[in-house]
N, C-alpha and C. Protein backbone atom coordinates (compact mmCIF):
# COMPACT_ATOMS: atom_id res chain seq x y z
N UNK A 1 -7.76 75.59 -17.68
CA UNK A 1 -6.90 76.07 -19.08
C UNK A 1 -8.52 76.18 -20.31
N UNK A 2 -7.45 77.56 -20.28
CA UNK A 2 -8.73 78.40 -21.60
C UNK A 2 -7.90 77.77 -23.00
N UNK A 3 -9.31 77.52 -23.58
CA UNK A 3 -8.76 77.03 -25.04
C UNK A 3 -8.91 77.55 -26.22
N UNK A 4 -8.65 78.47 -27.10
CA UNK A 4 -9.23 78.91 -28.38
C UNK A 4 -9.31 77.90 -29.65
N UNK A 5 -10.58 77.96 -29.99
CA UNK A 5 -10.95 77.05 -31.00
C UNK A 5 -11.26 77.71 -32.51
N UNK A 6 -10.79 77.74 -33.38
CA UNK A 6 -10.79 78.66 -34.71
C UNK A 6 -10.97 77.75 -35.75
N UNK A 7 -12.19 77.63 -36.62
CA UNK A 7 -12.63 77.41 -37.33
C UNK A 7 -12.68 78.54 -38.95
N UNK A 8 -11.73 78.05 -39.95
CA UNK A 8 -11.12 79.21 -40.96
C UNK A 8 -12.71 78.82 -42.12
N UNK A 9 -11.83 79.40 -42.85
CA UNK A 9 -13.27 79.72 -44.56
C UNK A 9 -13.96 78.34 -44.37
N UNK A 10 -15.57 79.16 -44.91
CA UNK A 10 -16.51 77.73 -45.40
C UNK A 10 -16.72 76.77 -44.20
N UNK A 11 -16.20 76.80 -42.63
CA UNK A 11 -16.25 76.28 -41.82
C UNK A 11 -18.13 76.64 -41.23
N UNK A 12 -18.38 77.46 -42.00
CA UNK A 12 -19.58 78.32 -41.29
C UNK A 12 -20.97 77.24 -42.24
N UNK A 13 -20.86 76.43 -43.51
CA UNK A 13 -21.26 75.87 -44.00
C UNK A 13 -21.43 74.76 -43.58
N UNK A 14 -20.56 73.99 -42.68
CA UNK A 14 -20.92 72.62 -42.50
C UNK A 14 -21.95 72.16 -42.11
N UNK A 15 -22.49 71.35 -42.41
CA UNK A 15 -23.96 70.97 -42.21
C UNK A 15 -24.92 70.38 -43.61
N UNK A 16 -24.22 71.85 -44.43
CA UNK A 16 -24.84 71.92 -45.99
C UNK A 16 -23.49 71.60 -46.95
N UNK A 17 -22.91 72.35 -46.48
CA UNK A 17 -21.09 71.83 -47.66
C UNK A 17 -20.74 70.20 -47.57
N UNK A 18 -20.81 69.83 -48.91
CA UNK A 18 -20.13 68.87 -49.44
C UNK A 18 -20.63 67.52 -47.81
N UNK A 19 -21.65 67.15 -47.51
CA UNK A 19 -21.67 66.41 -46.23
C UNK A 19 -21.70 65.13 -46.53
N UNK A 20 -21.39 64.73 -47.48
CA UNK A 20 -20.47 63.02 -47.60
C UNK A 20 -19.24 63.21 -47.13
N UNK A 21 -18.79 64.40 -47.39
CA UNK A 21 -17.53 64.78 -46.70
C UNK A 21 -16.98 65.07 -45.46
N UNK A 22 -17.68 66.34 -45.14
CA UNK A 22 -18.03 66.57 -43.87
C UNK A 22 -18.40 66.37 -42.81
N UNK A 23 -19.70 65.63 -42.81
CA UNK A 23 -20.96 65.57 -42.26
C UNK A 23 -22.18 66.39 -41.83
N UNK A 24 -23.07 66.23 -41.88
CA UNK A 24 -24.55 66.84 -41.82
C UNK A 24 -24.55 67.61 -40.40
N UNK A 25 -23.53 67.76 -39.67
CA UNK A 25 -23.55 68.24 -37.97
C UNK A 25 -23.07 70.22 -38.62
N UNK A 26 -23.87 70.80 -37.65
CA UNK A 26 -23.41 72.73 -38.50
C UNK A 26 -22.36 72.76 -37.46
N UNK A 27 -21.66 73.37 -37.18
CA UNK A 27 -20.65 74.20 -36.55
C UNK A 27 -21.19 74.36 -34.78
N UNK A 28 -22.43 75.12 -35.31
CA UNK A 28 -23.25 74.90 -34.13
C UNK A 28 -22.88 73.84 -32.82
N UNK A 29 -23.65 72.57 -33.81
CA UNK A 29 -23.83 71.61 -33.42
C UNK A 29 -22.76 70.46 -32.53
N UNK A 30 -21.47 70.83 -33.55
CA UNK A 30 -19.82 70.73 -33.19
C UNK A 30 -19.45 71.13 -31.64
N UNK A 31 -20.29 72.72 -32.07
CA UNK A 31 -19.54 73.57 -30.80
C UNK A 31 -20.43 72.81 -29.32
N UNK A 32 -21.52 72.68 -29.76
CA UNK A 32 -22.60 71.88 -27.98
C UNK A 32 -22.22 71.06 -27.86
N UNK A 33 -21.67 69.62 -28.97
CA UNK A 33 -21.34 68.42 -28.76
C UNK A 33 -20.12 68.62 -27.84
N UNK A 34 -19.11 69.22 -27.90
CA UNK A 34 -17.90 69.70 -27.53
C UNK A 34 -17.89 69.80 -26.26
N UNK A 35 -18.58 70.85 -25.84
CA UNK A 35 -18.81 71.87 -25.00
C UNK A 35 -19.37 70.99 -23.69
N UNK A 36 -20.28 69.40 -24.59
CA UNK A 36 -20.84 68.54 -23.04
C UNK A 36 -19.56 67.91 -22.59
N UNK A 37 -18.55 67.92 -23.39
CA UNK A 37 -17.50 66.36 -23.19
C UNK A 37 -17.39 66.20 -22.41
N UNK A 38 -17.36 65.15 -20.96
CA UNK A 38 -16.38 65.62 -19.74
C UNK A 38 -14.97 66.61 -19.60
N UNK A 39 -14.43 65.50 -20.84
CA UNK A 39 -13.16 66.56 -20.64
C UNK A 39 -12.92 68.42 -20.68
N UNK A 40 -14.14 69.09 -21.44
CA UNK A 40 -14.17 70.16 -21.43
C UNK A 40 -14.26 70.97 -20.10
N UNK A 41 -14.64 69.98 -18.99
CA UNK A 41 -15.38 70.43 -17.89
C UNK A 41 -13.99 70.78 -16.77
N UNK A 42 -14.19 72.06 -16.74
CA UNK A 42 -13.11 73.02 -15.91
C UNK A 42 -12.58 73.84 -16.65
N UNK A 43 -12.94 73.52 -18.09
CA UNK A 43 -11.89 74.74 -18.98
C UNK A 43 -12.89 75.47 -19.93
N UNK A 44 -11.91 76.99 -20.02
CA UNK A 44 -13.02 77.30 -20.80
C UNK A 44 -12.76 77.43 -22.50
N UNK A 45 -13.77 77.17 -23.36
CA UNK A 45 -13.41 77.47 -24.37
C UNK A 45 -14.44 78.08 -25.11
N UNK A 46 -13.59 78.93 -25.62
CA UNK A 46 -13.89 79.80 -26.51
C UNK A 46 -14.02 79.64 -28.25
N UNK A 47 -14.94 79.85 -28.91
CA UNK A 47 -15.01 79.54 -30.07
C UNK A 47 -14.98 80.39 -31.35
N UNK A 48 -14.21 80.72 -32.56
CA UNK A 48 -14.18 81.64 -33.65
C UNK A 48 -14.19 81.14 -34.62
N UNK A 49 -15.16 81.64 -35.66
CA UNK A 49 -14.85 81.17 -36.82
C UNK A 49 -15.07 82.54 -37.53
N UNK A 50 -14.11 82.23 -38.88
CA UNK A 50 -14.38 83.87 -39.76
C UNK A 50 -13.23 83.11 -41.38
N UNK A 51 -14.32 83.85 -42.49
CA UNK A 51 -13.99 83.31 -44.08
C UNK A 51 -12.85 84.26 -44.21
N UNK A 52 -12.11 85.09 -43.23
CA UNK A 52 -11.25 86.27 -43.28
C UNK A 52 -10.05 85.50 -42.98
N UNK A 53 -8.86 85.78 -43.84
CA UNK A 53 -7.54 85.05 -43.15
C UNK A 53 -6.58 85.94 -42.75
N UNK A 54 -7.47 87.67 -42.65
CA UNK A 54 -6.49 88.41 -41.60
C UNK A 54 -7.38 88.40 -40.27
N UNK A 55 -8.82 87.60 -39.94
CA UNK A 55 -9.62 88.32 -39.00
C UNK A 55 -9.08 87.14 -38.20
N UNK A 56 -8.69 85.80 -38.80
CA UNK A 56 -8.00 84.82 -37.73
C UNK A 56 -7.00 84.99 -37.64
N UNK A 57 -6.01 85.62 -38.22
CA UNK A 57 -4.53 86.39 -37.81
C UNK A 57 -4.85 87.04 -36.62
N UNK A 58 -5.30 87.60 -36.06
CA UNK A 58 -5.84 89.15 -35.26
C UNK A 58 -6.15 88.15 -34.24
N UNK A 59 -7.30 87.02 -34.46
CA UNK A 59 -7.71 86.44 -33.29
C UNK A 59 -6.60 85.72 -32.66
N UNK A 60 -5.87 85.22 -33.54
CA UNK A 60 -4.17 84.77 -32.81
C UNK A 60 -3.56 85.44 -32.36
N UNK A 61 -3.59 86.56 -32.48
CA UNK A 61 -2.48 87.58 -31.61
C UNK A 61 -3.20 87.90 -30.81
N UNK A 62 -4.45 88.04 -30.58
CA UNK A 62 -4.92 88.56 -29.55
C UNK A 62 -4.82 87.75 -28.79
N UNK A 63 -4.98 86.29 -28.67
CA UNK A 63 -4.80 85.39 -27.58
C UNK A 63 -4.42 85.19 -26.92
N UNK A 64 -2.46 86.07 -27.22
CA UNK A 64 -1.40 85.67 -26.77
C UNK A 64 -1.98 86.98 -24.87
N UNK A 65 -1.44 85.78 -24.28
CA UNK A 65 -1.74 86.07 -22.65
C UNK A 65 -2.98 86.02 -21.80
N UNK A 66 -3.48 85.41 -23.32
CA UNK A 66 -4.69 85.13 -22.11
C UNK A 66 -5.41 83.69 -22.65
N UNK A 67 -4.42 83.42 -23.54
CA UNK A 67 -4.96 81.09 -23.85
C UNK A 67 -3.90 81.11 -23.60
N UNK A 68 -4.29 79.86 -23.55
CA UNK A 68 -3.09 78.63 -22.95
C UNK A 68 -2.90 77.53 -24.27
N UNK A 69 -3.97 77.56 -25.15
CA UNK A 69 -4.04 76.94 -26.36
C UNK A 69 -4.87 76.56 -27.28
N UNK A 70 -4.67 76.79 -28.59
CA UNK A 70 -5.51 77.07 -29.47
C UNK A 70 -5.55 75.31 -30.20
N UNK A 71 -7.01 75.66 -30.53
CA UNK A 71 -7.30 73.96 -32.30
C UNK A 71 -7.88 74.90 -33.06
N UNK A 72 -7.04 74.92 -34.27
CA UNK A 72 -7.21 75.25 -35.23
C UNK A 72 -7.90 74.05 -36.34
N UNK A 73 -9.20 74.59 -37.08
CA UNK A 73 -9.43 73.89 -38.37
C UNK A 73 -8.96 74.98 -39.22
N UNK A 74 -8.13 74.95 -40.17
CA UNK A 74 -8.03 76.40 -41.42
C UNK A 74 -8.68 76.15 -42.27
N UNK A 75 -9.14 75.13 -42.67
CA UNK A 75 -9.55 74.83 -43.87
C UNK A 75 -8.96 75.12 -44.78
N UNK A 76 -9.06 75.36 -46.03
CA UNK A 76 -8.40 75.57 -47.40
C UNK A 76 -7.12 76.19 -46.92
N UNK A 77 -7.09 77.61 -45.77
CA UNK A 77 -5.60 78.07 -45.37
C UNK A 77 -4.34 77.35 -45.05
N UNK A 78 -4.82 75.52 -44.94
CA UNK A 78 -3.98 74.61 -44.45
C UNK A 78 -3.06 74.90 -45.50
N UNK A 79 -3.29 74.64 -46.43
CA UNK A 79 -2.12 74.29 -47.75
C UNK A 79 -1.24 75.73 -48.41
N UNK A 80 -1.87 76.50 -47.95
CA UNK A 80 -0.88 77.66 -48.79
C UNK A 80 -0.79 79.48 -47.78
N UNK A 81 -1.24 79.13 -46.41
CA UNK A 81 -1.26 80.20 -45.64
C UNK A 81 0.22 80.61 -44.94
N UNK A 82 1.12 81.31 -45.35
CA UNK A 82 2.20 81.30 -44.63
C UNK A 82 2.00 82.33 -43.49
N UNK A 83 1.50 83.27 -43.73
CA UNK A 83 0.92 84.53 -43.03
C UNK A 83 0.45 84.08 -41.66
N UNK A 84 -0.88 82.78 -42.13
CA UNK A 84 -0.89 81.72 -40.68
C UNK A 84 -0.31 81.35 -40.28
N UNK A 85 0.74 80.58 -40.73
CA UNK A 85 1.64 79.49 -40.33
C UNK A 85 2.61 80.76 -39.35
N UNK A 86 3.02 81.47 -39.43
CA UNK A 86 3.97 82.82 -38.88
C UNK A 86 3.18 82.94 -37.48
N UNK A 87 1.32 83.12 -37.63
CA UNK A 87 1.18 83.66 -36.28
C UNK A 87 1.18 83.07 -35.53
N UNK A 88 1.10 81.61 -35.85
CA UNK A 88 0.86 80.47 -35.05
C UNK A 88 2.20 80.03 -33.90
N UNK A 89 3.63 80.80 -34.86
CA UNK A 89 4.84 80.33 -34.31
C UNK A 89 5.29 81.63 -33.31
N UNK A 90 4.84 82.63 -34.18
CA UNK A 90 4.92 84.31 -33.26
C UNK A 90 4.56 84.03 -31.47
N UNK A 91 2.92 83.76 -31.99
CA UNK A 91 2.50 83.77 -30.61
C UNK A 91 2.80 82.73 -29.26
N UNK A 92 3.46 81.85 -29.47
CA UNK A 92 4.56 80.48 -29.02
C UNK A 92 3.07 80.55 -27.56
N UNK A 93 1.68 80.18 -28.67
CA UNK A 93 0.79 79.10 -27.91
C UNK A 93 0.77 77.63 -28.47
N UNK A 94 0.55 76.45 -27.32
CA UNK A 94 0.49 74.94 -28.06
C UNK A 94 -0.74 75.02 -29.05
N UNK A 95 -0.93 74.73 -30.37
CA UNK A 95 -1.63 74.69 -31.12
C UNK A 95 -1.48 73.25 -32.09
N UNK A 96 -2.66 73.18 -31.79
CA UNK A 96 -3.21 71.85 -32.96
C UNK A 96 -4.19 71.64 -33.79
N UNK A 97 -3.82 71.48 -34.89
CA UNK A 97 -4.02 71.59 -36.51
C UNK A 97 -5.58 70.84 -36.34
N UNK A 98 -6.75 70.68 -36.85
CA UNK A 98 -7.86 69.57 -36.95
C UNK A 98 -8.33 69.52 -38.15
N UNK A 99 -8.39 68.68 -38.72
CA UNK A 99 -9.56 68.60 -39.93
C UNK A 99 -10.71 67.27 -40.04
N UNK A 100 -11.66 67.83 -40.17
CA UNK A 100 -13.07 66.54 -40.27
C UNK A 100 -12.09 66.09 -40.87
N UNK A 101 -12.42 65.57 -42.16
CA UNK A 101 -11.73 64.91 -43.11
C UNK A 101 -10.35 65.28 -43.49
N UNK A 102 -10.12 63.07 -44.01
CA UNK A 102 -8.67 62.93 -44.06
C UNK A 102 -7.75 63.86 -45.02
N UNK A 103 -7.59 64.80 -44.87
CA UNK A 103 -6.54 65.11 -46.26
C UNK A 103 -5.87 64.93 -46.74
N UNK A 104 -4.72 63.77 -45.80
CA UNK A 104 -4.06 62.82 -46.61
C UNK A 104 -4.81 61.74 -47.60
N UNK A 105 -5.77 61.71 -47.18
CA UNK A 105 -6.57 60.74 -48.25
C UNK A 105 -7.29 61.36 -49.35
N UNK A 106 -7.00 63.07 -49.67
CA UNK A 106 -7.77 63.37 -50.48
C UNK A 106 -6.99 64.08 -51.86
N UNK A 107 -7.29 64.66 -52.05
CA UNK A 107 -6.77 65.23 -53.30
C UNK A 107 -5.34 65.92 -52.96
N UNK A 108 -4.70 66.32 -54.15
CA UNK A 108 -2.70 65.79 -53.90
C UNK A 108 -2.67 67.74 -52.90
N UNK A 109 -3.82 68.10 -53.49
CA UNK A 109 -3.26 69.71 -53.21
C UNK A 109 -3.81 70.12 -51.35
N UNK A 110 -4.57 69.05 -50.80
CA UNK A 110 -5.25 69.03 -49.91
C UNK A 110 -3.79 67.65 -48.87
N UNK A 111 -3.00 67.74 -49.33
CA UNK A 111 -2.14 67.13 -48.22
C UNK A 111 -0.89 67.60 -48.08
N UNK A 112 -0.79 68.66 -48.00
CA UNK A 112 0.10 69.67 -47.83
C UNK A 112 -0.86 69.87 -47.07
N UNK A 113 0.21 70.53 -45.88
CA UNK A 113 -0.20 71.54 -44.49
C UNK A 113 1.10 72.82 -44.58
N UNK A 114 1.36 73.58 -44.62
CA UNK A 114 2.46 74.40 -44.42
C UNK A 114 2.08 74.79 -42.49
N UNK A 115 1.21 74.60 -42.11
CA UNK A 115 0.98 75.01 -40.72
C UNK A 115 1.45 73.34 -39.69
N UNK A 116 0.90 72.34 -40.00
CA UNK A 116 2.14 71.26 -39.51
C UNK A 116 2.84 71.55 -38.78
N UNK A 117 3.55 72.00 -38.61
CA UNK A 117 5.38 71.59 -38.15
C UNK A 117 5.38 72.86 -37.41
N UNK A 118 4.21 74.06 -36.86
CA UNK A 118 4.09 75.06 -36.34
C UNK A 118 3.07 74.28 -34.74
N UNK A 119 2.64 73.39 -35.18
CA UNK A 119 1.80 72.79 -34.24
C UNK A 119 1.89 71.40 -33.70
N UNK A 120 1.85 71.66 -32.58
CA UNK A 120 2.21 70.39 -31.57
C UNK A 120 1.60 68.88 -31.69
N UNK A 121 0.32 68.91 -32.65
CA UNK A 121 -0.51 67.66 -33.27
C UNK A 121 -0.84 68.48 -34.39
N UNK A 122 -1.49 67.16 -35.50
CA UNK A 122 -1.99 67.68 -36.76
C UNK A 122 -3.11 66.28 -36.03
N UNK A 123 -4.58 66.66 -36.13
CA UNK A 123 -5.69 65.34 -35.90
C UNK A 123 -6.11 65.56 -37.61
N UNK A 124 -6.29 64.43 -38.17
CA UNK A 124 -7.39 64.09 -39.66
C UNK A 124 -7.88 63.57 -39.53
N UNK A 125 -9.09 63.36 -39.99
CA UNK A 125 -10.85 62.53 -40.47
C UNK A 125 -11.51 61.60 -39.28
N UNK A 126 -11.11 62.13 -38.22
CA UNK A 126 -11.93 61.42 -36.69
C UNK A 126 -13.57 62.76 -36.65
N UNK A 127 -13.82 63.24 -37.94
CA UNK A 127 -15.10 64.55 -37.66
C UNK A 127 -14.82 65.22 -36.62
N UNK A 128 -16.06 65.45 -35.97
CA UNK A 128 -16.42 66.15 -35.04
C UNK A 128 -15.08 65.22 -33.62
N UNK A 129 -15.32 64.23 -33.31
CA UNK A 129 -14.09 63.69 -32.56
C UNK A 129 -12.78 64.63 -32.52
N UNK A 130 -12.51 65.14 -33.66
CA UNK A 130 -11.18 65.62 -33.51
C UNK A 130 -10.41 67.21 -32.68
N UNK A 131 -11.95 67.50 -32.73
CA UNK A 131 -11.62 68.76 -31.70
C UNK A 131 -11.65 68.47 -30.10
N UNK A 132 -12.01 67.07 -30.00
CA UNK A 132 -11.82 66.35 -28.68
C UNK A 132 -10.72 66.10 -28.37
N UNK A 133 -10.39 65.14 -29.53
CA UNK A 133 -8.87 64.83 -29.34
C UNK A 133 -7.86 65.89 -29.56
N UNK A 134 -8.01 66.65 -30.05
CA UNK A 134 -7.36 68.07 -30.26
C UNK A 134 -7.35 68.79 -28.29
N UNK A 135 -8.07 68.75 -28.30
CA UNK A 135 -8.22 69.25 -26.50
C UNK A 135 -7.75 68.60 -25.64
N UNK A 136 -8.01 67.04 -26.09
CA UNK A 136 -7.11 66.27 -24.88
C UNK A 136 -5.71 66.58 -25.01
N UNK A 137 -5.02 66.27 -26.58
CA UNK A 137 -3.66 67.12 -26.86
C UNK A 137 -3.44 68.23 -25.61
N UNK A 138 -4.07 68.96 -25.96
CA UNK A 138 -3.95 70.46 -25.38
C UNK A 138 -3.48 70.36 -24.15
N UNK A 139 -4.50 69.83 -22.98
CA UNK A 139 -4.53 69.67 -22.16
C UNK A 139 -3.20 68.20 -21.39
N UNK A 140 -3.38 67.42 -22.18
CA UNK A 140 -2.12 66.60 -21.58
C UNK A 140 -0.57 67.44 -21.81
N UNK A 141 -0.95 68.07 -22.58
CA UNK A 141 0.70 68.57 -23.25
C UNK A 141 0.97 70.22 -22.30
N UNK A 142 0.22 70.43 -21.84
CA UNK A 142 0.43 71.41 -20.34
C UNK A 142 -0.17 71.04 -19.14
N UNK A 143 -0.16 70.30 -19.46
CA UNK A 143 -0.24 69.72 -17.82
C UNK A 143 1.25 69.08 -16.86
């Protein structure tokens, strides 16, 4: 299975940005950890991170025909980006929304996800393990 993992705005600052909420590991640490998990064996996992909404949408569009599943941590785009929602909906690729922190137990504005309904699952509050759970969801959804 070919999986694309997309990380949105400010996730390039993991390990530095609010480690009490997001942890002390960098995005590179999480990538290396997930790629070593047995569940990743036999699958091609490509990683992408951008602070630009348009670049993320272009990446999703470019995944059509070459990717069988997407895991996305959209960061703050979760709460208002209808263009991101439309991109996910348009490409018809099973997508799992992942958040390191539990967005349902944070500020009120973080509780709303405009992309949740176009994803096959939403995983929150598991830290880096959320990416692994997302991968498992995709594998079991498409097998």
